N, C-alpha and C. Protein backbone atom coordinates (compact mmCIF):
# COMPACT_ATOMS: atom_id res chain seq x y z
N UNK A 1 -204.71 -88.06 216.52
CA UNK A 1 -205.24 -87.05 217.41
C UNK A 1 -205.00 -85.65 216.84
N UNK A 2 -203.82 -85.39 216.30
CA UNK A 2 -203.50 -84.09 215.74
C UNK A 2 -204.36 -83.77 214.53
N UNK A 3 -204.71 -84.80 213.75
CA UNK A 3 -205.52 -84.61 212.56
C UNK A 3 -206.93 -84.15 212.94
N UNK A 4 -207.52 -84.77 213.99
CA UNK A 4 -208.85 -84.39 214.46
C UNK A 4 -208.86 -82.95 214.97
N UNK A 5 -207.79 -82.56 215.64
CA UNK A 5 -207.70 -81.20 216.16
C UNK A 5 -207.68 -80.18 215.02
N UNK A 6 -206.92 -80.50 213.96
CA UNK A 6 -206.88 -79.61 212.80
C UNK A 6 -208.25 -79.55 212.14
N UNK A 7 -208.91 -80.70 212.02
CA UNK A 7 -210.23 -80.76 211.39
C UNK A 7 -211.23 -79.95 212.21
N UNK A 8 -211.25 -80.14 213.52
CA UNK A 8 -212.17 -79.39 214.39
C UNK A 8 -211.84 -77.91 214.36
N UNK A 9 -210.57 -77.56 214.28
CA UNK A 9 -210.17 -76.16 214.20
C UNK A 9 -210.68 -75.52 212.92
N UNK A 10 -210.57 -76.25 211.83
CA UNK A 10 -211.06 -75.76 210.54
C UNK A 10 -212.57 -75.59 210.57
N UNK A 11 -213.26 -76.60 211.08
CA UNK A 11 -214.73 -76.53 211.16
C UNK A 11 -215.16 -75.40 212.07
N UNK A 12 -214.46 -75.24 213.18
CA UNK A 12 -214.77 -74.16 214.11
C UNK A 12 -214.55 -72.79 213.47
N UNK A 13 -213.43 -72.67 212.74
CA UNK A 13 -213.18 -71.41 212.03
C UNK A 13 -214.24 -71.12 211.00
N UNK A 14 -214.62 -72.17 210.24
CA UNK A 14 -215.65 -72.00 209.21
C UNK A 14 -216.98 -71.61 209.85
N UNK A 15 -217.32 -72.23 210.96
CA UNK A 15 -218.57 -71.91 211.67
C UNK A 15 -218.54 -70.46 212.13
N UNK A 16 -217.43 -70.00 212.65
CA UNK A 16 -217.29 -68.61 213.08
C UNK A 16 -217.44 -67.67 211.90
N UNK A 17 -216.80 -68.02 210.79
CA UNK A 17 -216.87 -67.19 209.59
C UNK A 17 -218.30 -67.08 209.06
N UNK A 18 -218.97 -68.22 208.94
CA UNK A 18 -220.29 -68.26 208.31
C UNK A 18 -221.35 -67.62 209.19
N UNK A 19 -221.16 -67.59 210.50
CA UNK A 19 -222.17 -67.01 211.39
C UNK A 19 -221.92 -65.55 211.70
N UNK A 20 -220.89 -64.97 211.12
CA UNK A 20 -220.67 -63.53 211.29
C UNK A 20 -221.82 -62.78 210.67
N UNK A 21 -222.16 -61.66 211.24
CA UNK A 21 -223.27 -60.87 210.74
C UNK A 21 -223.10 -60.43 209.31
N UNK A 22 -221.88 -60.01 208.93
CA UNK A 22 -221.71 -59.48 207.57
C UNK A 22 -221.84 -60.55 206.50
N UNK A 23 -221.49 -61.79 206.79
CA UNK A 23 -221.65 -62.87 205.81
C UNK A 23 -223.13 -63.17 205.61
N UNK A 24 -223.87 -63.21 206.69
CA UNK A 24 -225.31 -63.47 206.61
C UNK A 24 -225.99 -62.30 205.89
N UNK A 25 -225.59 -61.08 206.20
CA UNK A 25 -226.15 -59.91 205.52
C UNK A 25 -225.88 -59.98 204.02
N UNK A 26 -224.68 -60.39 203.66
CA UNK A 26 -224.32 -60.50 202.25
C UNK A 26 -225.18 -61.56 201.56
N UNK A 27 -225.40 -62.69 202.22
CA UNK A 27 -226.23 -63.75 201.65
C UNK A 27 -227.66 -63.27 201.43
N UNK A 28 -228.21 -62.57 202.41
CA UNK A 28 -229.55 -62.01 202.26
C UNK A 28 -229.58 -61.01 201.11
N UNK A 29 -228.54 -60.19 201.00
CA UNK A 29 -228.46 -59.22 199.91
C UNK A 29 -228.43 -59.87 198.55
N UNK A 30 -227.71 -60.98 198.42
CA UNK A 30 -227.64 -61.68 197.14
C UNK A 30 -229.01 -62.26 196.79
N UNK A 31 -229.69 -62.84 197.76
CA UNK A 31 -231.01 -63.43 197.50
C UNK A 31 -232.01 -62.35 197.12
N UNK A 32 -232.05 -61.25 197.89
CA UNK A 32 -232.97 -60.14 197.58
C UNK A 32 -232.59 -59.53 196.23
N UNK A 33 -231.30 -59.40 195.95
CA UNK A 33 -230.85 -58.86 194.67
C UNK A 33 -231.31 -59.71 193.50
N UNK A 34 -231.28 -61.02 193.66
CA UNK A 34 -231.76 -61.91 192.59
C UNK A 34 -233.24 -61.71 192.33
N UNK A 35 -234.01 -61.61 193.40
CA UNK A 35 -235.45 -61.37 193.24
C UNK A 35 -235.70 -59.99 192.63
N UNK A 36 -234.93 -59.02 193.04
CA UNK A 36 -235.08 -57.66 192.53
C UNK A 36 -234.74 -57.62 191.04
N UNK A 37 -233.73 -58.36 190.63
CA UNK A 37 -233.35 -58.42 189.22
C UNK A 37 -234.49 -58.98 188.39
N UNK A 38 -235.17 -60.00 188.90
CA UNK A 38 -236.30 -60.58 188.18
C UNK A 38 -237.42 -59.54 188.02
N UNK A 39 -237.65 -58.74 189.04
CA UNK A 39 -238.69 -57.70 188.97
C UNK A 39 -238.31 -56.65 187.93
N UNK A 40 -237.07 -56.19 187.95
CA UNK A 40 -236.62 -55.17 187.00
C UNK A 40 -236.65 -55.71 185.58
N UNK A 41 -236.24 -56.95 185.39
CA UNK A 41 -236.28 -57.55 184.06
C UNK A 41 -237.72 -57.62 183.55
N UNK A 42 -238.63 -58.01 184.41
CA UNK A 42 -240.04 -58.04 184.02
C UNK A 42 -240.56 -56.65 183.70
N UNK A 43 -240.19 -55.67 184.51
CA UNK A 43 -240.60 -54.28 184.26
C UNK A 43 -240.13 -53.84 182.88
N UNK A 44 -238.89 -54.15 182.57
CA UNK A 44 -238.34 -53.74 181.28
C UNK A 44 -238.97 -54.52 180.12
N UNK A 45 -239.01 -55.84 180.24
CA UNK A 45 -239.50 -56.68 179.15
C UNK A 45 -241.00 -56.53 178.92
N UNK A 46 -241.76 -56.52 180.01
CA UNK A 46 -243.22 -56.57 179.89
C UNK A 46 -243.89 -55.20 179.83
N UNK A 47 -243.22 -54.15 180.34
CA UNK A 47 -243.87 -52.84 180.39
C UNK A 47 -243.13 -51.79 179.57
N UNK A 48 -241.84 -51.59 179.86
CA UNK A 48 -241.12 -50.49 179.20
C UNK A 48 -240.82 -50.76 177.73
N UNK A 49 -240.39 -51.96 177.39
CA UNK A 49 -240.06 -52.25 176.00
C UNK A 49 -241.29 -52.10 175.09
N UNK A 50 -242.46 -52.63 175.47
CA UNK A 50 -243.63 -52.39 174.61
C UNK A 50 -244.00 -50.91 174.52
N UNK A 51 -243.86 -50.16 175.63
CA UNK A 51 -244.15 -48.72 175.58
C UNK A 51 -243.18 -48.01 174.64
N UNK A 52 -241.90 -48.37 174.73
CA UNK A 52 -240.92 -47.78 173.82
C UNK A 52 -241.22 -48.18 172.38
N UNK A 53 -241.75 -49.38 172.20
CA UNK A 53 -242.12 -49.84 170.87
C UNK A 53 -243.27 -49.03 170.29
N UNK A 54 -244.19 -48.59 171.15
CA UNK A 54 -245.31 -47.75 170.69
C UNK A 54 -244.78 -46.41 170.20
N UNK A 55 -243.93 -45.79 171.02
CA UNK A 55 -243.44 -44.46 170.70
C UNK A 55 -242.34 -44.48 169.65
N UNK A 56 -241.45 -45.44 169.74
CA UNK A 56 -240.32 -45.48 168.81
C UNK A 56 -240.51 -46.46 167.68
N UNK A 57 -241.52 -47.32 167.80
CA UNK A 57 -241.77 -48.29 166.75
C UNK A 57 -240.77 -49.43 166.74
N UNK A 58 -239.98 -49.62 167.82
CA UNK A 58 -238.96 -50.66 167.84
C UNK A 58 -239.04 -51.47 169.12
N UNK A 59 -239.03 -52.78 168.98
CA UNK A 59 -238.90 -53.68 170.12
C UNK A 59 -237.45 -54.16 170.11
N UNK A 60 -236.68 -53.73 171.10
CA UNK A 60 -235.24 -54.00 171.10
C UNK A 60 -234.91 -55.48 171.07
N UNK A 61 -235.76 -56.30 171.72
CA UNK A 61 -235.42 -57.72 171.83
C UNK A 61 -235.42 -58.43 170.48
N UNK A 62 -236.04 -57.84 169.48
CA UNK A 62 -236.08 -58.46 168.15
C UNK A 62 -234.99 -57.95 167.20
N UNK A 63 -234.10 -57.11 167.69
CA UNK A 63 -233.04 -56.57 166.84
C UNK A 63 -231.86 -57.54 166.77
N UNK A 64 -231.46 -57.89 165.57
CA UNK A 64 -230.31 -58.77 165.40
C UNK A 64 -229.71 -58.58 164.02
N UNK A 65 -228.49 -59.06 163.87
CA UNK A 65 -227.79 -59.05 162.59
C UNK A 65 -227.36 -60.49 162.32
N UNK A 66 -227.65 -60.97 161.13
CA UNK A 66 -227.24 -62.32 160.75
C UNK A 66 -225.83 -62.25 160.18
N UNK A 67 -224.96 -63.06 160.74
CA UNK A 67 -223.56 -63.11 160.31
C UNK A 67 -223.39 -64.26 159.33
N UNK A 68 -223.18 -63.96 158.10
CA UNK A 68 -223.03 -65.00 157.09
C UNK A 68 -224.35 -65.27 156.40
N UNK A 69 -224.40 -66.41 155.75
CA UNK A 69 -225.62 -66.77 155.03
C UNK A 69 -225.97 -68.21 155.30
N UNK A 70 -227.14 -68.58 154.93
CA UNK A 70 -227.56 -69.95 155.13
C UNK A 70 -228.54 -70.05 156.29
N UNK A 71 -229.08 -71.27 156.42
CA UNK A 71 -230.10 -71.51 157.44
C UNK A 71 -229.54 -71.48 158.85
N UNK A 72 -228.31 -71.94 159.04
CA UNK A 72 -227.70 -72.02 160.37
C UNK A 72 -226.70 -70.88 160.62
N UNK A 73 -226.83 -69.78 159.94
CA UNK A 73 -225.92 -68.65 160.13
C UNK A 73 -226.11 -68.07 161.53
N UNK A 74 -225.03 -67.76 162.21
CA UNK A 74 -225.15 -67.19 163.56
C UNK A 74 -225.77 -65.80 163.52
N UNK A 75 -226.48 -65.48 164.60
CA UNK A 75 -227.12 -64.18 164.70
C UNK A 75 -226.53 -63.41 165.87
N UNK A 76 -226.24 -62.15 165.63
CA UNK A 76 -225.75 -61.25 166.66
C UNK A 76 -226.97 -60.53 167.23
N UNK A 77 -227.39 -60.89 168.45
CA UNK A 77 -228.62 -60.38 169.05
C UNK A 77 -228.32 -59.10 169.85
N UNK A 78 -228.04 -58.03 169.16
CA UNK A 78 -227.70 -56.79 169.85
C UNK A 78 -228.90 -56.14 170.52
N UNK A 79 -230.10 -56.51 170.13
CA UNK A 79 -231.31 -55.99 170.80
C UNK A 79 -231.39 -56.48 172.24
N UNK A 80 -230.99 -57.74 172.48
CA UNK A 80 -230.96 -58.26 173.85
C UNK A 80 -229.93 -57.51 174.68
N UNK A 81 -228.83 -57.11 174.04
CA UNK A 81 -227.81 -56.34 174.75
C UNK A 81 -228.36 -54.97 175.15
N UNK A 82 -229.09 -54.33 174.25
CA UNK A 82 -229.72 -53.03 174.56
C UNK A 82 -230.70 -53.21 175.72
N UNK A 83 -231.47 -54.29 175.70
CA UNK A 83 -232.41 -54.58 176.79
C UNK A 83 -231.67 -54.77 178.11
N UNK A 84 -230.53 -55.46 178.08
CA UNK A 84 -229.73 -55.66 179.29
C UNK A 84 -229.20 -54.33 179.82
N UNK A 85 -228.80 -53.43 178.92
CA UNK A 85 -228.33 -52.10 179.34
C UNK A 85 -229.47 -51.33 180.01
N UNK A 86 -230.66 -51.39 179.42
CA UNK A 86 -231.82 -50.71 180.02
C UNK A 86 -232.11 -51.31 181.39
N UNK A 87 -232.07 -52.65 181.52
CA UNK A 87 -232.26 -53.30 182.83
C UNK A 87 -231.26 -52.78 183.85
N UNK A 88 -230.00 -52.70 183.42
CA UNK A 88 -228.96 -52.21 184.33
C UNK A 88 -229.24 -50.78 184.78
N UNK A 89 -229.59 -49.92 183.84
CA UNK A 89 -229.84 -48.52 184.18
C UNK A 89 -231.04 -48.38 185.11
N UNK A 90 -232.09 -49.15 184.87
CA UNK A 90 -233.26 -49.11 185.76
C UNK A 90 -232.88 -49.61 187.15
N UNK A 91 -232.16 -50.72 187.20
CA UNK A 91 -231.73 -51.26 188.49
C UNK A 91 -230.86 -50.26 189.24
N UNK A 92 -229.90 -49.65 188.55
CA UNK A 92 -229.03 -48.67 189.18
C UNK A 92 -229.83 -47.47 189.69
N UNK A 93 -230.80 -47.01 188.90
CA UNK A 93 -231.64 -45.87 189.32
C UNK A 93 -232.45 -46.22 190.56
N UNK A 94 -233.08 -47.39 190.56
CA UNK A 94 -233.90 -47.78 191.71
C UNK A 94 -233.03 -47.94 192.96
N UNK A 95 -231.87 -48.59 192.83
CA UNK A 95 -230.97 -48.75 193.98
C UNK A 95 -230.49 -47.40 194.47
N UNK A 96 -230.17 -46.49 193.54
CA UNK A 96 -229.76 -45.13 193.92
C UNK A 96 -230.86 -44.46 194.74
N UNK A 97 -232.10 -44.56 194.27
CA UNK A 97 -233.21 -43.93 194.99
C UNK A 97 -233.44 -44.56 196.35
N UNK A 98 -233.30 -45.89 196.45
CA UNK A 98 -233.46 -46.57 197.73
C UNK A 98 -232.37 -46.13 198.71
N UNK A 99 -231.11 -46.12 198.25
CA UNK A 99 -230.00 -45.71 199.11
C UNK A 99 -230.16 -44.25 199.53
N UNK A 100 -230.58 -43.41 198.59
CA UNK A 100 -230.79 -42.00 198.91
C UNK A 100 -231.89 -41.85 199.97
N UNK A 101 -232.97 -42.60 199.82
CA UNK A 101 -234.05 -42.57 200.80
C UNK A 101 -233.61 -43.07 202.17
N UNK A 102 -232.84 -44.16 202.19
CA UNK A 102 -232.35 -44.70 203.46
C UNK A 102 -231.41 -43.70 204.13
N UNK A 103 -230.52 -43.08 203.36
CA UNK A 103 -229.61 -42.08 203.92
C UNK A 103 -230.38 -40.90 204.49
N UNK A 104 -231.41 -40.46 203.77
CA UNK A 104 -232.22 -39.34 204.26
C UNK A 104 -232.93 -39.73 205.55
N UNK A 105 -233.45 -40.96 205.61
CA UNK A 105 -234.11 -41.44 206.81
C UNK A 105 -233.13 -41.53 207.96
N UNK A 106 -231.93 -42.08 207.70
CA UNK A 106 -230.91 -42.19 208.76
C UNK A 106 -230.47 -40.82 209.25
N UNK A 107 -230.31 -39.85 208.33
CA UNK A 107 -229.93 -38.50 208.75
C UNK A 107 -231.00 -37.89 209.63
N UNK A 108 -232.26 -38.10 209.28
CA UNK A 108 -233.37 -37.58 210.09
C UNK A 108 -233.39 -38.20 211.46
N UNK A 109 -233.17 -39.52 211.53
CA UNK A 109 -233.15 -40.21 212.82
C UNK A 109 -231.95 -39.74 213.64
N UNK A 110 -230.80 -39.56 212.97
CA UNK A 110 -229.60 -39.08 213.67
C UNK A 110 -229.80 -37.70 214.25
N UNK A 111 -230.43 -36.81 213.48
CA UNK A 111 -230.71 -35.47 213.99
C UNK A 111 -231.67 -35.51 215.16
N UNK A 112 -232.68 -36.39 215.08
CA UNK A 112 -233.65 -36.52 216.16
C UNK A 112 -232.97 -37.04 217.42
N UNK A 113 -232.09 -38.05 217.29
CA UNK A 113 -231.38 -38.58 218.45
C UNK A 113 -230.47 -37.53 219.05
N UNK A 114 -229.77 -36.76 218.19
CA UNK A 114 -228.87 -35.72 218.67
C UNK A 114 -229.65 -34.66 219.44
N UNK A 115 -230.82 -34.31 218.92
CA UNK A 115 -231.66 -33.32 219.58
C UNK A 115 -232.13 -33.84 220.93
N UNK A 116 -232.52 -35.12 220.99
CA UNK A 116 -232.94 -35.71 222.26
C UNK A 116 -231.79 -35.74 223.26
N UNK A 117 -230.57 -36.05 222.78
CA UNK A 117 -229.41 -36.07 223.66
C UNK A 117 -229.12 -34.69 224.21
N UNK A 118 -229.24 -33.66 223.35
CA UNK A 118 -229.00 -32.30 223.80
C UNK A 118 -230.04 -31.89 224.83
N UNK A 119 -231.30 -32.27 224.59
CA UNK A 119 -232.36 -31.93 225.53
C UNK A 119 -232.19 -32.68 226.84
N UNK A 120 -231.69 -33.91 226.78
CA UNK A 120 -231.56 -34.74 227.96
C UNK A 120 -230.29 -34.45 228.75
N UNK A 121 -229.40 -33.60 228.24
CA UNK A 121 -228.16 -33.30 228.95
C UNK A 121 -228.51 -32.63 230.29
N UNK A 122 -227.87 -33.10 231.37
CA UNK A 122 -228.19 -32.54 232.69
C UNK A 122 -227.74 -31.08 232.81
N UNK A 123 -228.53 -30.31 233.53
CA UNK A 123 -228.19 -28.90 233.78
C UNK A 123 -227.78 -28.67 235.23
N UNK A 124 -227.95 -29.70 236.05
CA UNK A 124 -227.57 -29.58 237.46
C UNK A 124 -226.78 -30.80 237.90
N UNK A 125 -226.12 -30.66 239.04
CA UNK A 125 -225.42 -31.78 239.66
C UNK A 125 -225.64 -31.70 241.16
N UNK A 126 -225.28 -32.77 241.86
CA UNK A 126 -225.48 -32.84 243.31
C UNK A 126 -224.15 -32.59 244.01
N UNK A 127 -224.17 -31.70 244.99
CA UNK A 127 -222.97 -31.43 245.79
C UNK A 127 -222.65 -32.68 246.60
N UNK A 128 -221.41 -33.19 246.51
CA UNK A 128 -221.07 -34.41 247.25
C UNK A 128 -221.00 -34.21 248.76
N UNK A 129 -221.00 -32.96 249.22
CA UNK A 129 -220.85 -32.70 250.65
C UNK A 129 -222.21 -32.49 251.33
N UNK A 130 -223.03 -31.61 250.76
CA UNK A 130 -224.31 -31.31 251.41
C UNK A 130 -225.50 -31.90 250.67
N UNK A 131 -225.25 -32.54 249.53
CA UNK A 131 -226.27 -33.20 248.72
C UNK A 131 -227.31 -32.24 248.17
N UNK A 132 -226.97 -30.97 248.02
CA UNK A 132 -227.86 -29.98 247.42
C UNK A 132 -227.68 -29.98 245.92
N UNK A 133 -228.71 -29.56 245.22
CA UNK A 133 -228.64 -29.47 243.77
C UNK A 133 -228.03 -28.13 243.40
N UNK A 134 -226.97 -28.20 242.54
CA UNK A 134 -226.29 -26.98 242.10
C UNK A 134 -226.16 -27.00 240.58
N UNK A 135 -225.90 -25.84 240.01
CA UNK A 135 -225.74 -25.72 238.56
C UNK A 135 -224.56 -26.57 238.11
N UNK A 136 -224.67 -27.15 236.91
CA UNK A 136 -223.66 -28.08 236.39
C UNK A 136 -222.28 -27.44 236.25
N UNK A 137 -222.22 -26.12 236.01
CA UNK A 137 -220.95 -25.44 235.82
C UNK A 137 -220.40 -24.82 237.10
N UNK A 138 -221.09 -25.00 238.21
CA UNK A 138 -220.65 -24.39 239.48
C UNK A 138 -219.36 -25.03 239.95
N UNK A 139 -218.45 -24.19 240.50
CA UNK A 139 -217.20 -24.69 241.07
C UNK A 139 -217.23 -24.65 242.59
N UNK A 140 -218.21 -23.93 243.15
CA UNK A 140 -218.43 -23.89 244.61
C UNK A 140 -219.90 -24.08 244.88
N UNK A 141 -220.22 -24.84 245.90
CA UNK A 141 -221.61 -25.06 246.27
C UNK A 141 -222.16 -23.80 246.94
N UNK A 142 -223.29 -23.25 246.49
CA UNK A 142 -223.84 -22.05 247.09
C UNK A 142 -224.45 -22.31 248.46
N UNK A 143 -224.65 -23.58 248.81
CA UNK A 143 -225.27 -23.93 250.08
C UNK A 143 -224.23 -24.15 251.19
N UNK A 144 -223.18 -24.90 250.88
CA UNK A 144 -222.18 -25.21 251.92
C UNK A 144 -220.81 -24.60 251.61
N UNK A 145 -220.66 -23.95 250.51
CA UNK A 145 -219.45 -23.28 250.02
C UNK A 145 -218.26 -24.23 249.81
N UNK A 146 -218.54 -25.51 249.65
CA UNK A 146 -217.48 -26.47 249.37
C UNK A 146 -217.03 -26.34 247.91
N UNK A 147 -215.74 -26.61 247.66
CA UNK A 147 -215.24 -26.60 246.30
C UNK A 147 -215.69 -27.88 245.60
N UNK A 148 -216.20 -27.72 244.38
CA UNK A 148 -216.68 -28.86 243.60
C UNK A 148 -215.69 -29.17 242.48
N UNK A 149 -215.63 -30.43 242.12
CA UNK A 149 -214.73 -30.84 241.05
C UNK A 149 -215.39 -30.63 239.70
């Protein structure tokens, strides 16, 4: 009986953990990030590298150094490393621009909400004694002369 309780407790804890919003958000982020990486890699490999090859005369993916001699000598593919660095920089730039845009959008929405809250702030209150409308900062009712809190 005690073993089942421990097992159910573990499963229950795991269920609670996995259904938390931040875990699900993280999973979605990883999936979208993987798709985004494929897009950036394609952008670099299929568009930017050939353009750089036109202007610079070099396709980075074909750059390598052969270590040793012979048919099976290992090759150091430093061109692929340069391509990976370019992918990283493009990804970082795009993410920076997205985050900057989202922050700008959130700041604009925050300012709009703050402005609405300021406009919606009440300027009057009701006297609890005579039920007349009085200014929000009044300490005495002008209608019944009662002291207001």
